[in-house]
PDB file of N, CA and C in Angstrom:
ATOM      1  N   MET A   1      28.213   2.646  -3.644  1.00  0.00           N
ATOM      2  CA  MET A   1      28.441   3.823  -2.828  1.00  0.00           C
ATOM      3  C   MET A   1      27.112   4.450  -2.465  1.00  0.00           C
ATOM      4  N   ILE A   2      26.954   4.823  -1.227  1.00  0.00           N
ATOM      5  CA  ILE A   2      25.774   5.532  -0.753  1.00  0.00           C
ATOM      6  C   ILE A   2      26.265   6.746   0.022  1.00  0.00           C
ATOM      7  N   LYS A   3      25.793   7.931  -0.382  1.00  0.00           N
ATOM      8  CA  LYS A   3      26.208   9.159   0.295  1.00  0.00           C
ATOM      9  C   LYS A   3      24.969   9.960   0.646  1.00  0.00           C
ATOM     10  N   LEU A   4      24.847  10.351   1.921  1.00  0.00           N
ATOM     11  CA  LEU A   4      23.741  11.195   2.346  1.00  0.00           C
ATOM     12  C   LEU A   4      24.090  12.643   2.036  1.00  0.00           C
ATOM     13  N   LEU A   5      23.185  13.322   1.306  1.00  0.00           N
ATOM     14  CA  LEU A   5      23.435  14.701   0.904  1.00  0.00           C
ATOM     15  C   LEU A   5      22.762  15.712   1.820  1.00  0.00           C
ATOM     16  N   GLY A   6      21.931  15.238   2.748  1.00  0.00           N
ATOM     17  CA  GLY A   6      21.179  16.124   3.623  1.00  0.00           C
ATOM     18  C   GLY A   6      19.833  16.472   3.011  1.00  0.00           C
ATOM     19  N   ASN A   7      18.929  17.007   3.838  1.00  0.00           N
ATOM     20  CA  ASN A   7      17.590  17.394   3.404  1.00  0.00           C
ATOM     21  C   ASN A   7      16.874  16.244   2.704  1.00  0.00           C
ATOM     22  N   HIS A   8      17.067  15.024   3.214  1.00  0.00           N
ATOM     23  CA  HIS A   8      16.413  13.808   2.714  1.00  0.00           C
ATOM     24  C   HIS A   8      16.763  13.502   1.256  1.00  0.00           C
ATOM     25  N   GLN A   9      18.017  13.786   0.887  1.00  0.00           N
ATOM     26  CA  GLN A   9      18.516  13.445  -0.444  1.00  0.00           C
ATOM     27  C   GLN A   9      19.719  12.512  -0.302  1.00  0.00           C
ATOM     28  N   ILE A  10      19.773  11.535  -1.214  1.00  0.00           N
ATOM     29  CA  ILE A  10      20.817  10.506  -1.171  1.00  0.00           C
ATOM     30  C   ILE A  10      21.427  10.368  -2.558  1.00  0.00           C
ATOM     31  N   LEU A  11      22.724  10.172  -2.622  1.00  0.00           N
ATOM     32  CA  LEU A  11      23.412   9.888  -3.873  1.00  0.00           C
ATOM     33  C   LEU A  11      23.885   8.442  -3.825  1.00  0.00           C
ATOM     34  N   THR A  12      23.519   7.653  -4.837  1.00  0.00           N
ATOM     35  CA  THR A  12      24.007   6.284  -4.921  1.00  0.00           C
ATOM     36  C   THR A  12      24.674   6.090  -6.269  1.00  0.00           C
ATOM     37  N   SER A  13      25.661   5.206  -6.310  1.00  0.00           N
ATOM     38  CA  SER A  13      26.343   4.958  -7.583  1.00  0.00           C
ATOM     39  C   SER A  13      27.009   3.596  -7.561  1.00  0.00           C
ATOM     40  N   ASN A  14      27.275   3.108  -8.761  1.00  0.00           N
ATOM     41  CA  ASN A  14      28.106   1.920  -8.952  1.00  0.00           C
ATOM     42  C   ASN A  14      28.865   2.124 -10.259  1.00  0.00           C
ATOM     43  N   LYS A  15      29.449   1.081 -10.810  1.00  0.00           N
ATOM     44  CA  LYS A  15      30.262   1.237 -12.012  1.00  0.00           C
ATOM     45  C   LYS A  15      29.440   1.631 -13.239  1.00  0.00           C
ATOM     46  N   HIS A  16      28.102   1.494 -13.161  1.00  0.00           N
ATOM     47  CA  HIS A  16      27.242   1.811 -14.302  1.00  0.00           C
ATOM     48  C   HIS A  16      26.695   3.234 -14.279  1.00  0.00           C
ATOM     49  N   GLY A  17      26.849   3.943 -13.186  1.00  0.00           N
ATOM     50  CA  GLY A  17      26.334   5.300 -13.123  1.00  0.00           C
ATOM     51  C   GLY A  17      25.965   5.711 -11.718  1.00  0.00           C
ATOM     52  N   LYS A  18      25.207   6.825 -11.628  1.00  0.00           N
ATOM     53  CA  LYS A  18      24.798   7.318 -10.322  1.00  0.00           C
ATOM     54  C   LYS A  18      23.410   7.938 -10.432  1.00  0.00           C
ATOM     55  N   VAL A  19      22.743   8.022  -9.302  1.00  0.00           N
ATOM     56  CA  VAL A  19      21.425   8.635  -9.254  1.00  0.00           C
ATOM     57  C   VAL A  19      21.265   9.344  -7.919  1.00  0.00           C
ATOM     58  N   ARG A  20      20.585  10.482  -7.960  1.00  0.00           N
ATOM     59  CA  ARG A  20      20.280  11.228  -6.735  1.00  0.00           C
ATOM     60  C   ARG A  20      18.812  10.984  -6.409  1.00  0.00           C
ATOM     61  N   LEU A  21      18.559  10.551  -5.192  1.00  0.00           N
ATOM     62  CA  LEU A  21      17.203  10.289  -4.735  1.00  0.00           C
ATOM     63  C   LEU A  21      16.762  11.412  -3.816  1.00  0.00           C
ATOM     64  N   ASN A  22      15.582  11.939  -4.070  1.00  0.00           N
ATOM     65  CA  ASN A  22      15.055  13.025  -3.258  1.00  0.00           C
ATOM     66  C   ASN A  22      13.765  12.549  -2.588  1.00  0.00           C
ATOM     67  N   PHE A  23      13.832  12.262  -1.300  1.00  0.00           N
ATOM     68  CA  PHE A  23      12.669  11.779  -0.570  1.00  0.00           C
ATOM     69  C   PHE A  23      11.810  12.907  -0.013  1.00  0.00           C
ATOM     70  N   LEU A  24      12.232  14.170  -0.146  1.00  0.00           N
ATOM     71  CA  LEU A  24      11.516  15.274   0.482  1.00  0.00           C
ATOM     72  C   LEU A  24      10.086  15.439  -0.049  1.00  0.00           C
ATOM     73  N   PRO A  25       9.833  15.423  -1.376  1.00  0.00           N
ATOM     74  CA  PRO A  25       8.437  15.541  -1.827  1.00  0.00           C
ATOM     75  C   PRO A  25       7.557  14.409  -1.297  1.00  0.00           C
ATOM     76  N   LEU A  26       8.112  13.210  -1.244  1.00  0.00           N
ATOM     77  CA  LEU A  26       7.381  12.062  -0.729  1.00  0.00           C
ATOM     78  C   LEU A  26       7.097  12.230   0.762  1.00  0.00           C
ATOM     79  N   LEU A  27       8.078  12.723   1.487  1.00  0.00           N
ATOM     80  CA  LEU A  27       7.934  12.950   2.921  1.00  0.00           C
ATOM     81  C   LEU A  27       6.897  14.029   3.208  1.00  0.00           C
ATOM     82  N   ASP A  28       6.952  15.120   2.447  1.00  0.00           N
ATOM     83  CA  ASP A  28       5.970  16.194   2.610  1.00  0.00           C
ATOM     84  C   ASP A  28       4.556  15.684   2.350  1.00  0.00           C
ATOM     85  N   SER A  29       4.385  14.909   1.288  1.00  0.00           N
ATOM     86  CA  SER A  29       3.087  14.337   0.957  1.00  0.00           C
ATOM     87  C   SER A  29       2.613  13.389   2.054  1.00  0.00           C
ATOM     88  N   PHE A  30       3.533  12.595   2.572  1.00  0.00           N
ATOM     89  CA  PHE A  30       3.207  11.630   3.625  1.00  0.00           C
ATOM     90  C   PHE A  30       2.684  12.348   4.864  1.00  0.00           C
ATOM     91  N   TYR A  31       3.385  13.407   5.306  1.00  0.00           N
ATOM     92  CA  TYR A  31       2.961  14.121   6.507  1.00  0.00           C
ATOM     93  C   TYR A  31       1.650  14.869   6.281  1.00  0.00           C
ATOM     94  N   THR A  32       1.417  15.350   5.050  1.00  0.00           N
ATOM     95  CA  THR A  32       0.151  16.012   4.735  1.00  0.00           C
ATOM     96  C   THR A  32      -1.005  15.030   4.869  1.00  0.00           C
ATOM     97  N   LYS A  33      -0.809  13.800   4.390  1.00  0.00           N
ATOM     98  CA  LYS A  33      -1.867  12.784   4.433  1.00  0.00           C
ATOM     99  C   LYS A  33      -2.041  12.166   5.815  1.00  0.00           C
ATOM    100  N   HIS A  34      -0.935  11.894   6.504  1.00  0.00           N
ATOM    101  CA  HIS A  34      -0.998  11.104   7.731  1.00  0.00           C
ATOM    102  C   HIS A  34      -0.720  11.891   9.001  1.00  0.00           C
ATOM    103  N   GLY A  35      -0.233  13.113   8.865  1.00  0.00           N
ATOM    104  CA  GLY A  35       0.064  13.916  10.046  1.00  0.00           C
ATOM    105  C   GLY A  35       0.998  13.191  10.992  1.00  0.00           C
ATOM    106  N   GLU A  36       0.704  13.245  12.246  1.00  0.00           N
ATOM    107  CA  GLU A  36       1.536  12.599  13.267  1.00  0.00           C
ATOM    108  C   GLU A  36       0.977  11.240  13.688  1.00  0.00           C
ATOM    109  N   SER A  37       0.019  10.715  12.911  1.00  0.00           N
ATOM    110  CA  SER A  37      -0.593   9.440  13.293  1.00  0.00           C
ATOM    111  C   SER A  37       0.388   8.270  13.189  1.00  0.00           C
ATOM    112  N   ILE A  38       1.402   8.414  12.349  1.00  0.00           N
ATOM    113  CA  ILE A  38       2.458   7.396  12.240  1.00  0.00           C
ATOM    114  C   ILE A  38       3.767   8.077  12.621  1.00  0.00           C
ATOM    115  N   THR A  39       4.321   7.693  13.746  1.00  0.00           N
ATOM    116  CA  THR A  39       5.493   8.412  14.276  1.00  0.00           C
ATOM    117  C   THR A  39       6.817   7.878  13.752  1.00  0.00           C
ATOM    118  N   HIS A  40       6.850   6.610  13.339  1.00  0.00           N
ATOM    119  CA  HIS A  40       8.095   6.056  12.803  1.00  0.00           C
ATOM    120  C   HIS A  40       7.764   5.137  11.643  1.00  0.00           C
ATOM    121  N   PHE A  41       8.554   5.235  10.567  1.00  0.00           N
ATOM    122  CA  PHE A  41       8.255   4.454   9.368  1.00  0.00           C
ATOM    123  C   PHE A  41       9.493   4.379   8.488  1.00  0.00           C
ATOM    124  N   LEU A  42       9.465   3.438   7.549  1.00  0.00           N
ATOM    125  CA  LEU A  42      10.518   3.292   6.545  1.00  0.00           C
ATOM    126  C   LEU A  42       9.899   3.431   5.167  1.00  0.00           C
ATOM    127  N   PHE A  43      10.608   4.079   4.244  1.00  0.00           N
ATOM    128  CA  PHE A  43      10.263   4.031   2.831  1.00  0.00           C
ATOM    129  C   PHE A  43      11.075   2.896   2.200  1.00  0.00           C
ATOM    130  N   ALA A  44      10.435   2.048   1.415  1.00  0.00           N
ATOM    131  CA  ALA A  44      11.114   0.952   0.718  1.00  0.00           C
ATOM    132  C   ALA A  44      10.939   1.137  -0.777  1.00  0.00           C
ATOM    133  N   HIS A  45      12.014   0.955  -1.539  1.00  0.00           N
ATOM    134  CA  HIS A  45      11.940   1.110  -2.994  1.00  0.00           C
ATOM    135  C   HIS A  45      13.029   0.275  -3.653  1.00  0.00           C
ATOM    136  N   TRP A  46      13.000   0.224  -4.974  1.00  0.00           N
ATOM    137  CA  TRP A  46      14.019  -0.477  -5.739  1.00  0.00           C
ATOM    138  C   TRP A  46      15.016   0.553  -6.248  1.00  0.00           C
ATOM    139  N   ASN A  47      16.283   0.396  -5.880  1.00  0.00           N
ATOM    140  CA  ASN A  47      17.316   1.311  -6.344  1.00  0.00           C
ATOM    141  C   ASN A  47      17.828   0.827  -7.698  1.00  0.00           C
ATOM    142  N   LYS A  48      17.524   1.587  -8.748  1.00  0.00           N
ATOM    143  CA  LYS A  48      17.849   1.144 -10.106  1.00  0.00           C
ATOM    144  C   LYS A  48      19.350   1.075 -10.368  1.00  0.00           C
ATOM    145  N   ILE A  49      20.117   1.928  -9.722  1.00  0.00           N
ATOM    146  CA  ILE A  49      21.568   1.917  -9.940  1.00  0.00           C
ATOM    147  C   ILE A  49      22.210   0.727  -9.234  1.00  0.00           C
ATOM    148  N   LEU A  50      21.884   0.568  -7.965  1.00  0.00           N
ATOM    149  CA  LEU A  50      22.470  -0.537  -7.212  1.00  0.00           C
ATOM    150  C   LEU A  50      21.809  -1.867  -7.547  1.00  0.00           C
ATOM    151  N   GLU A  51      20.644  -1.815  -8.206  1.00  0.00           N
ATOM    152  CA  GLU A  51      19.868  -3.017  -8.556  1.00  0.00           C
ATOM    153  C   GLU A  51      19.591  -3.840  -7.311  1.00  0.00           C
ATOM    154  N   LEU A  52      19.147  -3.156  -6.251  1.00  0.00           N
ATOM    155  CA  LEU A  52      18.872  -3.776  -4.961  1.00  0.00           C
ATOM    156  C   LEU A  52      17.618  -3.164  -4.348  1.00  0.00           C
ATOM    157  N   PRO A  53      16.918  -3.916  -3.507  1.00  0.00           N
ATOM    158  CA  PRO A  53      15.908  -3.275  -2.668  1.00  0.00           C
ATOM    159  C   PRO A  53      16.615  -2.317  -1.707  1.00  0.00           C
ATOM    160  N   ALA A  54      15.984  -1.200  -1.415  1.00  0.00           N
ATOM    161  CA  ALA A  54      16.595  -0.205  -0.543  1.00  0.00           C
ATOM    162  C   ALA A  54      15.542   0.396   0.380  1.00  0.00           C
ATOM    163  N   TYR A  55      15.997   0.888   1.508  1.00  0.00           N
ATOM    164  CA  TYR A  55      15.113   1.404   2.544  1.00  0.00           C
ATOM    165  C   TYR A  55      15.666   2.727   3.051  1.00  0.00           C
ATOM    166  N   TYR A  56      14.765   3.688   3.273  1.00  0.00           N
ATOM    167  CA  TYR A  56      15.166   4.978   3.829  1.00  0.00           C
ATOM    168  C   TYR A  56      14.371   5.219   5.105  1.00  0.00           C
ATOM    169  N   ASP A  57      15.090   5.520   6.182  1.00  0.00           N
ATOM    170  CA  ASP A  57      14.491   5.851   7.464  1.00  0.00           C
ATOM    171  C   ASP A  57      14.572   7.368   7.636  1.00  0.00           C
ATOM    172  N   PRO A  58      13.457   8.093   7.417  1.00  0.00           N
ATOM    173  CA  PRO A  58      13.523   9.558   7.480  1.00  0.00           C
ATOM    174  C   PRO A  58      13.700  10.112   8.889  1.00  0.00           C
ATOM    175  N   ILE A  59      13.403   9.305   9.899  1.00  0.00           N
ATOM    176  CA  ILE A  59      13.567   9.781  11.270  1.00  0.00           C
ATOM    177  C   ILE A  59      15.054   9.880  11.616  1.00  0.00           C
ATOM    178  N   THR A  60      15.809   8.828  11.301  1.00  0.00           N
ATOM    179  CA  THR A  60      17.242   8.826  11.586  1.00  0.00           C
ATOM    180  C   THR A  60      18.065   9.269  10.374  1.00  0.00           C
ATOM    181  N   GLU A  61      17.394   9.468   9.227  1.00  0.00           N
ATOM    182  CA  GLU A  61      18.034   9.816   7.953  1.00  0.00           C
ATOM    183  C   GLU A  61      19.116   8.801   7.583  1.00  0.00           C
ATOM    184  N   ARG A  62      18.778   7.509   7.741  1.00  0.00           N
ATOM    185  CA  ARG A  62      19.695   6.436   7.342  1.00  0.00           C
ATOM    186  C   ARG A  62      19.131   5.738   6.110  1.00  0.00           C
ATOM    187  N   TYR A  63      20.036   5.293   5.246  1.00  0.00           N
ATOM    188  CA  TYR A  63      19.660   4.643   3.989  1.00  0.00           C
ATOM    189  C   TYR A  63      20.337   3.279   3.929  1.00  0.00           C
ATOM    190  N   PHE A  64      19.573   2.253   3.599  1.00  0.00           N
ATOM    191  CA  PHE A  64      20.077   0.880   3.588  1.00  0.00           C
ATOM    192  C   PHE A  64      19.780   0.243   2.235  1.00  0.00           C
ATOM    193  N   ALA A  65      20.699  -0.539   1.710  1.00  0.00           N
ATOM    194  CA  ALA A  65      20.464  -1.308   0.486  1.00  0.00           C
ATOM    195  C   ALA A  65      21.135  -2.660   0.636  1.00  0.00           C
ATOM    196  N   ALA A  66      20.432  -3.712   0.188  1.00  0.00           N
ATOM    197  CA  ALA A  66      20.973  -5.064   0.328  1.00  0.00           C
ATOM    198  C   ALA A  66      20.293  -5.996  -0.660  1.00  0.00           C
ATOM    199  N   PRO A  67      20.985  -7.054  -1.087  1.00  0.00           N
ATOM    200  CA  PRO A  67      20.336  -8.072  -1.918  1.00  0.00           C
ATOM    201  C   PRO A  67      19.181  -8.706  -1.147  1.00  0.00           C
ATOM    202  N   GLU A  68      18.161  -9.151  -1.880  1.00  0.00           N
ATOM    203  CA  GLU A  68      16.991  -9.747  -1.220  1.00  0.00           C
ATOM    204  C   GLU A  68      17.369 -10.922  -0.326  1.00  0.00           C
ATOM    205  N   SER A  69      18.410 -11.667  -0.690  1.00  0.00           N
ATOM    206  CA  SER A  69      18.837 -12.813   0.121  1.00  0.00           C
ATOM    207  C   SER A  69      19.404 -12.391   1.476  1.00  0.00           C
ATOM    208  N   GLN A  70      19.731 -11.091   1.643  1.00  0.00           N
ATOM    209  CA  GLN A  70      20.278 -10.599   2.902  1.00  0.00           C
ATOM    210  C   GLN A  70      19.288  -9.736   3.668  1.00  0.00           C
ATOM    211  N   ILE A  71      18.006  -9.790   3.303  1.00  0.00           N
ATOM    212  CA  ILE A  71      16.973  -8.994   3.977  1.00  0.00           C
ATOM    213  C   ILE A  71      15.989  -9.923   4.671  1.00  0.00           C
ATOM    214  N   GLN A  72      15.728  -9.634   5.925  1.00  0.00           N
ATOM    215  CA  GLN A  72      14.710 -10.368   6.679  1.00  0.00           C
ATOM    216  C   GLN A  72      13.651  -9.363   7.110  1.00  0.00           C
ATOM    217  N   ILE A  73      12.427  -9.545   6.622  1.00  0.00           N
ATOM    218  CA  ILE A  73      11.339  -8.629   6.950  1.00  0.00           C
ATOM    219  C   ILE A  73      10.459  -9.265   8.016  1.00  0.00           C
ATOM    220  N   VAL A  74      10.545  -8.714   9.219  1.00  0.00           N
ATOM    221  CA  VAL A  74       9.749  -9.197  10.348  1.00  0.00           C
ATOM    222  C   VAL A  74       8.458  -8.387  10.448  1.00  0.00           C
ATOM    223  N   ALA A  75       8.548  -7.086  10.227  1.00  0.00           N
ATOM    224  CA  ALA A  75       7.383  -6.199  10.250  1.00  0.00           C
ATOM    225  C   ALA A  75       6.771  -6.201   8.850  1.00  0.00           C
ATOM    226  N   THR A  76       5.705  -6.961   8.668  1.00  0.00           N
ATOM    227  CA  THR A  76       5.164  -7.166   7.314  1.00  0.00           C
ATOM    228  C   THR A  76       4.114  -6.138   6.905  1.00  0.00           C
ATOM    229  N   ASP A  77       3.604  -5.320   7.840  1.00  0.00           N
ATOM    230  CA  ASP A  77       2.613  -4.308   7.477  1.00  0.00           C
ATOM    231  C   ASP A  77       3.244  -3.277   6.556  1.00  0.00           C
ATOM    232  N   HIS A  78       2.570  -2.973   5.448  1.00  0.00           N
ATOM    233  CA  HIS A  78       3.074  -1.956   4.528  1.00  0.00           C
ATOM    234  C   HIS A  78       1.935  -1.447   3.657  1.00  0.00           C
ATOM    235  N   PHE A  79       2.130  -0.267   3.079  1.00  0.00           N
ATOM    236  CA  PHE A  79       1.180   0.302   2.129  1.00  0.00           C
ATOM    237  C   PHE A  79       1.936   1.164   1.135  1.00  0.00           C
ATOM    238  N   TRP A  80       1.287   1.485   0.022  1.00  0.00           N
ATOM    239  CA  TRP A  80       1.910   2.242  -1.061  1.00  0.00           C
ATOM    240  C   TRP A  80       1.690   3.725  -0.831  1.00  0.00           C
ATOM    241  N   GLU A  81       2.737   4.504  -1.029  1.00  0.00           N
ATOM    242  CA  GLU A  81       2.640   5.963  -0.912  1.00  0.00           C
ATOM    243  C   GLU A  81       3.263   6.569  -2.155  1.00  0.00           C
ATOM    244  N   GLY A  82       2.545   7.453  -2.814  1.00  0.00           N
ATOM    245  CA  GLY A  82       3.070   8.056  -4.028  1.00  0.00           C
ATOM    246  C   GLY A  82       2.840   9.549  -4.053  1.00  0.00           C
ATOM    247  N   VAL A  83       3.607  10.226  -4.881  1.00  0.00           N
ATOM    248  CA  VAL A  83       3.453  11.664  -5.063  1.00  0.00           C
ATOM    249  C   VAL A  83       3.810  11.967  -6.514  1.00  0.00           C
ATOM    250  N   GLN A  84       3.091  12.917  -7.102  1.00  0.00           N
ATOM    251  CA  GLN A  84       3.385  13.277  -8.485  1.00  0.00           C
ATOM    252  C   GLN A  84       4.750  13.958  -8.548  1.00  0.00           C
ATOM    253  N   ARG A  85       5.580  13.494  -9.464  1.00  0.00           N
ATOM    254  CA  ARG A  85       6.915  14.073  -9.612  1.00  0.00           C
ATOM    255  C   ARG A  85       6.785  15.485 -10.182  1.00  0.00           C
ATOM    256  N   VAL A  86       7.501  16.437  -9.600  1.00  0.00           N
ATOM    257  CA  VAL A  86       7.403  17.839 -10.001  1.00  0.00           C
ATOM    258  C   VAL A  86       8.713  18.285 -10.629  1.00  0.00           C
ATOM    259  N   ASP A  87       8.638  18.859 -11.822  1.00  0.00           N
ATOM    260  CA  ASP A  87       9.807  19.437 -12.494  1.00  0.00           C
ATOM    261  C   ASP A  87      10.994  18.483 -12.540  1.00  0.00           C
ATOM    262  N   GLY A  88      10.748  17.251 -12.920  1.00  0.00           N
ATOM    263  CA  GLY A  88      11.839  16.291 -13.066  1.00  0.00           C
ATOM    264  C   GLY A  88      12.517  15.931 -11.768  1.00  0.00           C
ATOM    265  N   SER A  89      11.790  16.012 -10.655  1.00  0.00           N
ATOM    266  CA  SER A  89      12.357  15.668  -9.354  1.00  0.00           C
ATOM    267  C   SER A  89      12.984  14.278  -9.400  1.00  0.00           C
ATOM    268  N   PRO A  90      14.167  14.128  -8.846  1.00  0.00           N
ATOM    269  CA  PRO A  90      14.816  12.814  -8.871  1.00  0.00           C
ATOM    270  C   PRO A  90      13.955  11.744  -8.215  1.00  0.00           C
ATOM    271  N   LEU A  91      14.147  10.510  -8.639  1.00  0.00           N
ATOM    272  CA  LEU A  91      13.428   9.392  -8.037  1.00  0.00           C
ATOM    273  C   LEU A  91      13.747   9.310  -6.548  1.00  0.00           C
ATOM    274  N   PRO A  92      12.940   8.672  -5.733  1.00  0.00           N
ATOM    275  CA  PRO A  92      11.693   8.003  -6.090  1.00  0.00           C
ATOM    276  C   PRO A  92      10.487   8.927  -5.985  1.00  0.00           C
ATOM    277  N   SER A  93       9.451   8.656  -6.782  1.00  0.00           N
ATOM    278  CA  SER A  93       8.198   9.394  -6.679  1.00  0.00           C
ATOM    279  C   SER A  93       7.163   8.576  -5.917  1.00  0.00           C
ATOM    280  N   SER A  94       7.486   7.319  -5.652  1.00  0.00           N
ATOM    281  CA  SER A  94       6.586   6.486  -4.863  1.00  0.00           C
ATOM    282  C   SER A  94       7.387   5.382  -4.179  1.00  0.00           C
ATOM    283  N   CYS A  95       6.868   4.920  -3.056  1.00  0.00           N
ATOM    284  CA  CYS A  95       7.554   3.897  -2.264  1.00  0.00           C
ATOM    285  C   CYS A  95       6.531   3.085  -1.494  1.00  0.00           C
ATOM    286  N   LEU A  96       6.955   1.914  -1.054  1.00  0.00           N
ATOM    287  CA  LEU A  96       6.205   1.214  -0.028  1.00  0.00           C
ATOM    288  C   LEU A  96       6.572   1.844   1.313  1.00  0.00           C
ATOM    289  N   VAL A  97       5.592   1.928   2.192  1.00  0.00           N
ATOM    290  CA  VAL A  97       5.837   2.440   3.537  1.00  0.00           C
ATOM    291  C   VAL A  97       5.629   1.305   4.528  1.00  0.00           C
ATOM    292  N   TYR A  98       6.634   1.098   5.369  1.00  0.00           N
ATOM    293  CA  TYR A  98       6.513   0.154   6.475  1.00  0.00           C
ATOM    294  C   TYR A  98       6.276   0.982   7.731  1.00  0.00           C
ATOM    295  N   PRO A  99       5.004   1.056   8.215  1.00  0.00           N
ATOM    296  CA  PRO A  99       4.732   1.884   9.399  1.00  0.00           C
ATOM    297  C   PRO A  99       5.287   1.239  10.667  1.00  0.00           C
ATOM    298  N   ASN A 100       5.740   2.088  11.585  1.00  0.00           N
ATOM    299  CA  ASN A 100       6.250   1.625  12.876  1.00  0.00           C
ATOM    300  C   ASN A 100       7.307   0.538  12.720  1.00  0.00           C
ATOM    301  N   ALA A 101       8.227   0.754  11.785  1.00  0.00           N
ATOM    302  CA  ALA A 101       9.281  -0.224  11.521  1.00  0.00           C
ATOM    303  C   ALA A 101      10.645   0.463  11.521  1.00  0.00           C
ATOM    304  N   THR A 102      11.674  -0.335  11.760  1.00  0.00           N
ATOM    305  CA  THR A 102      13.048   0.150  11.709  1.00  0.00           C
ATOM    306  C   THR A 102      13.895  -0.824  10.899  1.00  0.00           C
ATOM    307  N   ALA A 103      14.996  -0.338  10.391  1.00  0.00           N
ATOM    308  CA  ALA A 103      15.955  -1.178   9.672  1.00  0.00           C
ATOM    309  C   ALA A 103      17.245  -1.211  10.476  1.00  0.00           C
ATOM    310  N   GLU A 104      17.837  -2.396  10.570  1.00  0.00           N
ATOM    311  CA  GLU A 104      19.075  -2.533  11.332  1.00  0.00           C
ATOM    312  C   GLU A 104      19.877  -3.701  10.791  1.00  0.00           C
ATOM    313  N   TRP A 105      21.189  -3.501  10.673  1.00  0.00           N
ATOM    314  CA  TRP A 105      22.070  -4.602  10.286  1.00  0.00           C
ATOM    315  C   TRP A 105      22.333  -5.482  11.494  1.00  0.00           C
ATOM    316  N   ILE A 106      22.029  -6.760  11.370  1.00  0.00           N
ATOM    317  CA  ILE A 106      22.364  -7.746  12.390  1.00  0.00           C
ATOM    318  C   ILE A 106      23.209  -8.799  11.689  1.00  0.00           C
ATOM    319  N   ASP A 107      24.474  -8.854  12.070  1.00  0.00           N
ATOM    320  CA  ASP A 107      25.472  -9.647  11.338  1.00  0.00           C
ATOM    321  C   ASP A 107      25.480  -9.158   9.884  1.00  0.00           C
ATOM    322  N   ARG A 108      25.189 -10.020   8.921  1.00  0.00           N
ATOM    323  CA  ARG A 108      25.198  -9.609   7.514  1.00  0.00           C
ATOM    324  C   ARG A 108      23.784  -9.576   6.939  1.00  0.00           C
ATOM    325  N   THR A 109      22.776  -9.441   7.820  1.00  0.00           N
ATOM    326  CA  THR A 109      21.387  -9.427   7.394  1.00  0.00           C
ATOM    327  C   THR A 109      20.755  -8.088   7.760  1.00  0.00           C
ATOM    328  N   LEU A 110      20.045  -7.493   6.799  1.00  0.00           N
ATOM    329  CA  LEU A 110      19.292  -6.274   7.052  1.00  0.00           C
ATOM    330  C   LEU A 110      17.914  -6.698   7.557  1.00  0.00           C
ATOM    331  N   VAL A 111      17.635  -6.379   8.820  1.00  0.00           N
ATOM    332  CA  VAL A 111      16.389  -6.801   9.451  1.00  0.00           C
ATOM    333  C   VAL A 111      15.431  -5.619   9.508  1.00  0.00           C
ATOM    334  N   ILE A 112      14.251  -5.804   8.928  1.00  0.00           N
ATOM    335  CA  ILE A 112      13.173  -4.815   8.985  1.00  0.00           C
ATOM    336  C   ILE A 112      12.220  -5.323  10.060  1.00  0.00           C
ATOM    337  N   ASP A 113      12.193  -4.628  11.192  1.00  0.00           N
ATOM    338  CA  ASP A 113      11.427  -5.103  12.353  1.00  0.00           C
ATOM    339  C   ASP A 113      10.560  -3.983  12.892  1.00  0.00           C
ATOM    340  N   LYS A 114       9.681  -4.308  13.812  1.00  0.00           N
ATOM    341  CA  LYS A 114       8.817  -3.318  14.443  1.00  0.00           C
ATOM    342  C   LYS A 114       9.653  -2.370  15.295  1.00  0.00           C
ATOM    343  N   ALA A 115       9.248  -1.107  15.268  1.00  0.00           N
ATOM    344  CA  ALA A 115       9.974  -0.078  16.035  1.00  0.00           C
ATOM    345  C   ALA A 115       9.714  -0.241  17.515  1.00  0.00           C
TER     346      ALA A 115
END
């Protein structure tokens, strides 16, 4: 289950539990460092509950998760972005960033391609 809570927060769960992800501190840090130099990007991380790679698009506020066998990464440029977790802020505190990339389901494959 994936539920968007608004304000760049996501709730994910499976039969083993649930976790709330808060991308806002990471997003704030990203814009402080990069300003408007990168207009579109994806955050990529490992979702511990779903046990899958997952991607968050802060521009469209869409969240994607899929097994590695169902992911095709065409846009290979990426870098690490991290922020110190404050007051037990929910994960993630760091992610890979795919600049100028989008995520889209094509058939049963999650394609990470250039924007």
